[in-house]
Amino acid sequence: MSTFDFVTVPIIMSVVYGGLALLKQATGSAERVLRFLPLIAASFGAVLGVIAFFAMPEIIPASNAFVAVLVGGASGLAATGTNQIIKQISKFKKDEGDGDDGKNDKTK
């Protein structure tokens, strides 16, 4: 295995993550677009996987184009998951920083 086998997936994931951020900025985070972000991410990743496979087959861990589609699609979905992890952690930290003002305390 070459070194590139380990970095191809994070590179595709990063490109898809950036592309999704640009798409959300361009559409103003419209609800109709946000609903389809995982599908868009998987499709964009699959396209990037195929491009990587045919442009430089030694950098993607795939033996054929179908496997390249699967690797790229999974990388795209990983970008969506990464986005959600970051969003949930920031939401948790914001909720944690509210303090104990007793407003949500059900025992009182």
N, C-alpha and C. Protein backbone atom coordinates (compact mmCIF):
# COMPACT_ATOMS: atom_id res chain seq x y z
N MET A 1 0.84 -1.19 0.00
CA MET A 1 0.00 0.00 0.00
C MET A 1 0.88 1.24 0.00
N SER A 2 0.46 2.22 -0.75
CA SER A 2 1.22 3.46 -0.79
C SER A 2 0.67 4.44 0.24
N THR A 3 1.40 5.50 0.44
CA THR A 3 0.99 6.55 1.39
C THR A 3 -0.29 7.21 0.92
N PHE A 4 -0.48 7.31 -0.39
CA PHE A 4 -1.66 7.98 -0.92
C PHE A 4 -2.95 7.23 -0.60
N ASP A 5 -2.88 5.93 -0.38
CA ASP A 5 -4.08 5.17 -0.04
C ASP A 5 -4.72 5.67 1.24
N PHE A 6 -3.93 6.23 2.13
CA PHE A 6 -4.44 6.68 3.41
C PHE A 6 -4.93 8.12 3.38
N VAL A 7 -4.50 8.90 2.42
CA VAL A 7 -4.87 10.31 2.39
C VAL A 7 -5.96 10.63 1.37
N THR A 8 -6.28 9.72 0.49
CA THR A 8 -7.27 9.99 -0.54
C THR A 8 -8.64 10.25 0.05
N VAL A 9 -9.07 9.42 0.98
CA VAL A 9 -10.40 9.57 1.57
C VAL A 9 -10.51 10.90 2.32
N PRO A 10 -9.57 11.28 3.19
CA PRO A 10 -9.69 12.60 3.83
C PRO A 10 -9.63 13.77 2.85
N ILE A 11 -8.89 13.61 1.75
CA ILE A 11 -8.83 14.69 0.76
C ILE A 11 -10.20 14.84 0.08
N ILE A 12 -10.79 13.74 -0.33
CA ILE A 12 -12.12 13.80 -0.94
C ILE A 12 -13.12 14.36 0.06
N MET A 13 -13.03 13.93 1.30
CA MET A 13 -13.93 14.40 2.34
C MET A 13 -13.79 15.91 2.53
N SER A 14 -12.57 16.41 2.55
CA SER A 14 -12.34 17.84 2.73
C SER A 14 -12.87 18.66 1.56
N VAL A 15 -12.67 18.16 0.35
CA VAL A 15 -13.17 18.87 -0.83
C VAL A 15 -14.70 18.91 -0.82
N VAL A 16 -15.32 17.80 -0.47
CA VAL A 16 -16.79 17.75 -0.40
C VAL A 16 -17.29 18.68 0.71
N TYR A 17 -16.63 18.67 1.86
CA TYR A 17 -17.02 19.54 2.97
C TYR A 17 -16.98 21.01 2.55
N GLY A 18 -15.90 21.39 1.87
CA GLY A 18 -15.78 22.76 1.38
C GLY A 18 -16.84 23.08 0.34
N GLY A 19 -17.11 22.14 -0.55
CA GLY A 19 -18.14 22.33 -1.56
C GLY A 19 -19.52 22.50 -0.95
N LEU A 20 -19.81 21.73 0.09
CA LEU A 20 -21.10 21.87 0.77
C LEU A 20 -21.22 23.22 1.47
N ALA A 21 -20.12 23.68 2.06
CA ALA A 21 -20.13 24.99 2.71
C ALA A 21 -20.40 26.09 1.68
N LEU A 22 -19.77 25.98 0.52
CA LEU A 22 -20.02 26.96 -0.56
C LEU A 22 -21.46 26.89 -1.05
N LEU A 23 -21.99 25.69 -1.17
CA LEU A 23 -23.38 25.52 -1.61
C LEU A 23 -24.35 26.14 -0.61
N LYS A 24 -24.10 25.92 0.68
CA LYS A 24 -24.97 26.51 1.69
C LYS A 24 -24.90 28.04 1.67
N GLN A 25 -23.70 28.59 1.46
CA GLN A 25 -23.55 30.04 1.35
C GLN A 25 -24.28 30.57 0.12
N ALA A 26 -24.14 29.89 -0.99
CA ALA A 26 -24.74 30.34 -2.25
C ALA A 26 -26.26 30.30 -2.21
N THR A 27 -26.82 29.34 -1.52
CA THR A 27 -28.28 29.20 -1.48
C THR A 27 -28.89 29.84 -0.25
N GLY A 28 -28.07 30.40 0.61
CA GLY A 28 -28.60 31.02 1.82
C GLY A 28 -29.18 30.02 2.79
N SER A 29 -28.64 28.82 2.79
CA SER A 29 -29.11 27.72 3.66
C SER A 29 -30.61 27.47 3.49
N ALA A 30 -31.06 27.48 2.26
CA ALA A 30 -32.46 27.21 1.98
C ALA A 30 -32.83 25.80 2.42
N GLU A 31 -33.99 25.66 3.00
CA GLU A 31 -34.44 24.37 3.54
C GLU A 31 -34.50 23.30 2.46
N ARG A 32 -34.91 23.66 1.26
CA ARG A 32 -35.02 22.66 0.19
C ARG A 32 -33.66 22.12 -0.22
N VAL A 33 -32.60 22.90 -0.04
CA VAL A 33 -31.25 22.43 -0.34
C VAL A 33 -30.69 21.63 0.83
N LEU A 34 -30.93 22.11 2.05
CA LEU A 34 -30.41 21.43 3.24
C LEU A 34 -30.93 20.01 3.35
N ARG A 35 -32.15 19.79 2.89
CA ARG A 35 -32.74 18.45 2.95
C ARG A 35 -31.97 17.43 2.12
N PHE A 36 -31.34 17.90 1.06
CA PHE A 36 -30.66 17.00 0.13
C PHE A 36 -29.15 17.00 0.27
N LEU A 37 -28.61 17.63 1.32
CA LEU A 37 -27.16 17.70 1.48
C LEU A 37 -26.48 16.33 1.54
N PRO A 38 -27.01 15.34 2.27
CA PRO A 38 -26.33 14.04 2.25
C PRO A 38 -26.29 13.41 0.86
N LEU A 39 -27.37 13.53 0.11
CA LEU A 39 -27.40 12.98 -1.25
C LEU A 39 -26.43 13.74 -2.16
N ILE A 40 -26.39 15.06 -2.02
CA ILE A 40 -25.46 15.87 -2.81
C ILE A 40 -24.02 15.51 -2.44
N ALA A 41 -23.75 15.35 -1.15
CA ALA A 41 -22.41 15.01 -0.70
C ALA A 41 -21.96 13.65 -1.21
N ALA A 42 -22.85 12.67 -1.15
CA ALA A 42 -22.50 11.33 -1.64
C ALA A 42 -22.26 11.36 -3.15
N SER A 43 -23.08 12.09 -3.88
CA SER A 43 -22.92 12.18 -5.33
C SER A 43 -21.63 12.90 -5.70
N PHE A 44 -21.36 14.02 -5.04
CA PHE A 44 -20.14 14.78 -5.31
C PHE A 44 -18.91 13.94 -4.98
N GLY A 45 -18.95 13.23 -3.86
CA GLY A 45 -17.84 12.35 -3.49
C GLY A 45 -17.64 11.23 -4.49
N ALA A 46 -18.75 10.65 -4.97
CA ALA A 46 -18.65 9.58 -5.96
C ALA A 46 -18.01 10.08 -7.25
N VAL A 47 -18.40 11.27 -7.67
CA VAL A 47 -17.80 11.86 -8.88
C VAL A 47 -16.31 12.10 -8.67
N LEU A 48 -15.95 12.63 -7.50
CA LEU A 48 -14.53 12.86 -7.20
C LEU A 48 -13.76 11.54 -7.15
N GLY A 49 -14.38 10.50 -6.63
CA GLY A 49 -13.74 9.19 -6.58
C GLY A 49 -13.45 8.65 -7.98
N VAL A 50 -14.40 8.80 -8.88
CA VAL A 50 -14.21 8.33 -10.26
C VAL A 50 -13.14 9.17 -10.96
N ILE A 51 -13.19 10.48 -10.74
CA ILE A 51 -12.17 11.35 -11.34
C ILE A 51 -10.78 10.95 -10.84
N ALA A 52 -10.66 10.73 -9.55
CA ALA A 52 -9.38 10.33 -8.98
C ALA A 52 -8.93 8.98 -9.55
N PHE A 53 -9.88 8.06 -9.71
CA PHE A 53 -9.53 6.73 -10.22
C PHE A 53 -9.00 6.79 -11.65
N PHE A 54 -9.63 7.59 -12.49
CA PHE A 54 -9.20 7.65 -13.87
C PHE A 54 -8.03 8.60 -14.08
N ALA A 55 -7.93 9.66 -13.29
CA ALA A 55 -6.83 10.61 -13.45
C ALA A 55 -5.52 10.03 -12.91
N MET A 56 -5.56 9.48 -11.70
CA MET A 56 -4.37 8.89 -11.08
C MET A 56 -4.80 7.66 -10.28
N PRO A 57 -4.94 6.52 -10.91
CA PRO A 57 -5.47 5.33 -10.23
C PRO A 57 -4.63 4.85 -9.05
N GLU A 58 -3.37 5.26 -8.98
CA GLU A 58 -2.53 4.81 -7.87
C GLU A 58 -2.82 5.54 -6.57
N ILE A 59 -3.60 6.64 -6.60
CA ILE A 59 -3.83 7.38 -5.36
C ILE A 59 -5.12 6.98 -4.64
N ILE A 60 -5.97 6.21 -5.28
CA ILE A 60 -7.24 5.83 -4.64
C ILE A 60 -7.24 4.32 -4.39
N PRO A 61 -7.65 3.91 -3.19
CA PRO A 61 -7.65 2.48 -2.88
C PRO A 61 -8.83 1.75 -3.53
N ALA A 62 -8.80 1.65 -4.85
CA ALA A 62 -9.89 1.01 -5.58
C ALA A 62 -9.30 0.20 -6.74
N SER A 63 -9.86 -0.97 -6.94
CA SER A 63 -9.38 -1.82 -8.02
C SER A 63 -10.15 -1.61 -9.32
N ASN A 64 -11.35 -0.98 -9.22
CA ASN A 64 -12.14 -0.69 -10.43
C ASN A 64 -12.98 0.56 -10.19
N ALA A 65 -13.69 1.00 -11.22
CA ALA A 65 -14.46 2.24 -11.13
C ALA A 65 -15.62 2.13 -10.14
N PHE A 66 -16.23 0.95 -10.03
CA PHE A 66 -17.33 0.78 -9.09
C PHE A 66 -16.86 0.98 -7.65
N VAL A 67 -15.73 0.41 -7.32
CA VAL A 67 -15.18 0.58 -5.97
C VAL A 67 -14.79 2.05 -5.75
N ALA A 68 -14.31 2.72 -6.78
CA ALA A 68 -13.98 4.14 -6.68
C ALA A 68 -15.24 4.97 -6.38
N VAL A 69 -16.36 4.60 -7.00
CA VAL A 69 -17.63 5.28 -6.70
C VAL A 69 -18.01 5.07 -5.25
N LEU A 70 -17.86 3.84 -4.75
CA LEU A 70 -18.21 3.56 -3.36
C LEU A 70 -17.29 4.30 -2.39
N VAL A 71 -16.00 4.31 -2.67
CA VAL A 71 -15.05 5.02 -1.79
C VAL A 71 -15.35 6.52 -1.79
N GLY A 72 -15.60 7.08 -2.97
CA GLY A 72 -15.92 8.50 -3.06
C GLY A 72 -17.24 8.85 -2.39
N GLY A 73 -18.25 8.02 -2.61
CA GLY A 73 -19.55 8.25 -1.96
C GLY A 73 -19.47 8.18 -0.46
N ALA A 74 -18.73 7.20 0.05
CA ALA A 74 -18.55 7.09 1.50
C ALA A 74 -17.78 8.29 2.05
N SER A 75 -16.82 8.78 1.29
CA SER A 75 -16.07 9.96 1.71
C SER A 75 -16.99 11.18 1.75
N GLY A 76 -17.88 11.29 0.78
CA GLY A 76 -18.84 12.39 0.78
C GLY A 76 -19.79 12.33 1.96
N LEU A 77 -20.26 11.15 2.28
CA LEU A 77 -21.13 11.00 3.45
C LEU A 77 -20.37 11.27 4.75
N ALA A 78 -19.08 10.95 4.77
CA ALA A 78 -18.27 11.26 5.94
C ALA A 78 -18.16 12.77 6.14
N ALA A 79 -18.16 13.53 5.05
CA ALA A 79 -18.13 14.99 5.15
C ALA A 79 -19.42 15.49 5.81
N THR A 80 -20.56 14.90 5.45
CA THR A 80 -21.82 15.27 6.07
C THR A 80 -21.82 14.92 7.55
N GLY A 81 -21.30 13.75 7.89
CA GLY A 81 -21.21 13.36 9.29
C GLY A 81 -20.29 14.27 10.08
N THR A 82 -19.18 14.67 9.49
CA THR A 82 -18.26 15.59 10.15
C THR A 82 -18.95 16.92 10.42
N ASN A 83 -19.71 17.40 9.45
CA ASN A 83 -20.45 18.64 9.63
C ASN A 83 -21.42 18.53 10.81
N GLN A 84 -22.12 17.41 10.90
CA GLN A 84 -23.07 17.23 11.99
C GLN A 84 -22.39 17.10 13.35
N ILE A 85 -21.24 16.45 13.39
CA ILE A 85 -20.50 16.34 14.64
C ILE A 85 -20.10 17.73 15.13
N ILE A 86 -19.57 18.54 14.24
CA ILE A 86 -19.16 19.90 14.61
C ILE A 86 -20.38 20.71 15.06
N LYS A 87 -21.48 20.60 14.35
CA LYS A 87 -22.70 21.33 14.70
C LYS A 87 -23.22 20.91 16.08
N GLN A 88 -23.25 19.61 16.35
CA GLN A 88 -23.77 19.12 17.63
C GLN A 88 -22.85 19.49 18.79
N ILE A 89 -21.54 19.44 18.58
CA ILE A 89 -20.60 19.83 19.65
C ILE A 89 -20.76 21.30 19.96
N SER A 90 -20.88 22.14 18.94
CA SER A 90 -21.05 23.57 19.20
C SER A 90 -22.38 23.85 19.88
N LYS A 91 -23.43 23.11 19.53
CA LYS A 91 -24.72 23.27 20.19
C LYS A 91 -24.62 22.84 21.66
N PHE A 92 -23.92 21.73 21.91
CA PHE A 92 -23.75 21.24 23.28
C PHE A 92 -22.98 22.26 24.11
N LYS A 93 -21.91 22.83 23.56
CA LYS A 93 -21.13 23.81 24.30
C LYS A 93 -21.93 25.07 24.57
N LYS A 94 -22.78 25.47 23.63
CA LYS A 94 -23.61 26.65 23.83
C LYS A 94 -24.64 26.40 24.92
N ASP A 95 -25.26 25.21 24.92
CA ASP A 95 -26.23 24.85 25.96
C ASP A 95 -25.56 24.73 27.32
N GLU A 96 -24.34 24.20 27.33
CA GLU A 96 -23.61 24.04 28.58
C GLU A 96 -23.21 25.38 29.16
N GLY A 97 -22.96 26.36 28.33
CA GLY A 97 -22.54 27.67 28.77
C GLY A 97 -23.68 28.54 29.27
N ASP A 98 -24.92 28.08 29.16
CA ASP A 98 -26.06 28.89 29.61
C ASP A 98 -26.09 29.07 31.12
N GLY A 99 -25.46 28.18 31.83
CA GLY A 99 -25.45 28.28 33.29
C GLY A 99 -26.66 27.61 33.90
N ASP A 100 -26.71 27.63 35.22
CA ASP A 100 -27.79 26.99 35.96
C ASP A 100 -28.71 28.08 36.48
N ASP A 101 -29.62 28.54 35.64
CA ASP A 101 -30.53 29.59 36.07
C ASP A 101 -31.86 29.04 36.57
N GLY A 102 -32.04 27.73 36.53
CA GLY A 102 -33.22 27.10 37.09
C GLY A 102 -34.43 27.11 36.18
N LYS A 103 -34.33 27.66 34.99
CA LYS A 103 -35.48 27.74 34.09
C LYS A 103 -35.93 26.36 33.61
N ASN A 104 -35.00 25.46 33.41
CA ASN A 104 -35.35 24.14 32.90
C ASN A 104 -35.37 23.08 33.99
N ASP A 105 -35.34 23.46 35.22
CA ASP A 105 -35.30 22.52 36.33
C ASP A 105 -36.73 22.06 36.61
N LYS A 106 -37.03 20.79 36.42
CA LYS A 106 -38.37 20.26 36.61
C LYS A 106 -38.65 19.89 38.07
N THR A 107 -37.66 19.92 38.93
CA THR A 107 -37.87 19.53 40.32
C THR A 107 -38.43 20.67 41.15
N LYS A 108 -38.42 21.88 40.65
CA LYS A 108 -38.93 23.03 41.44
C LYS A 108 -40.39 23.23 41.22
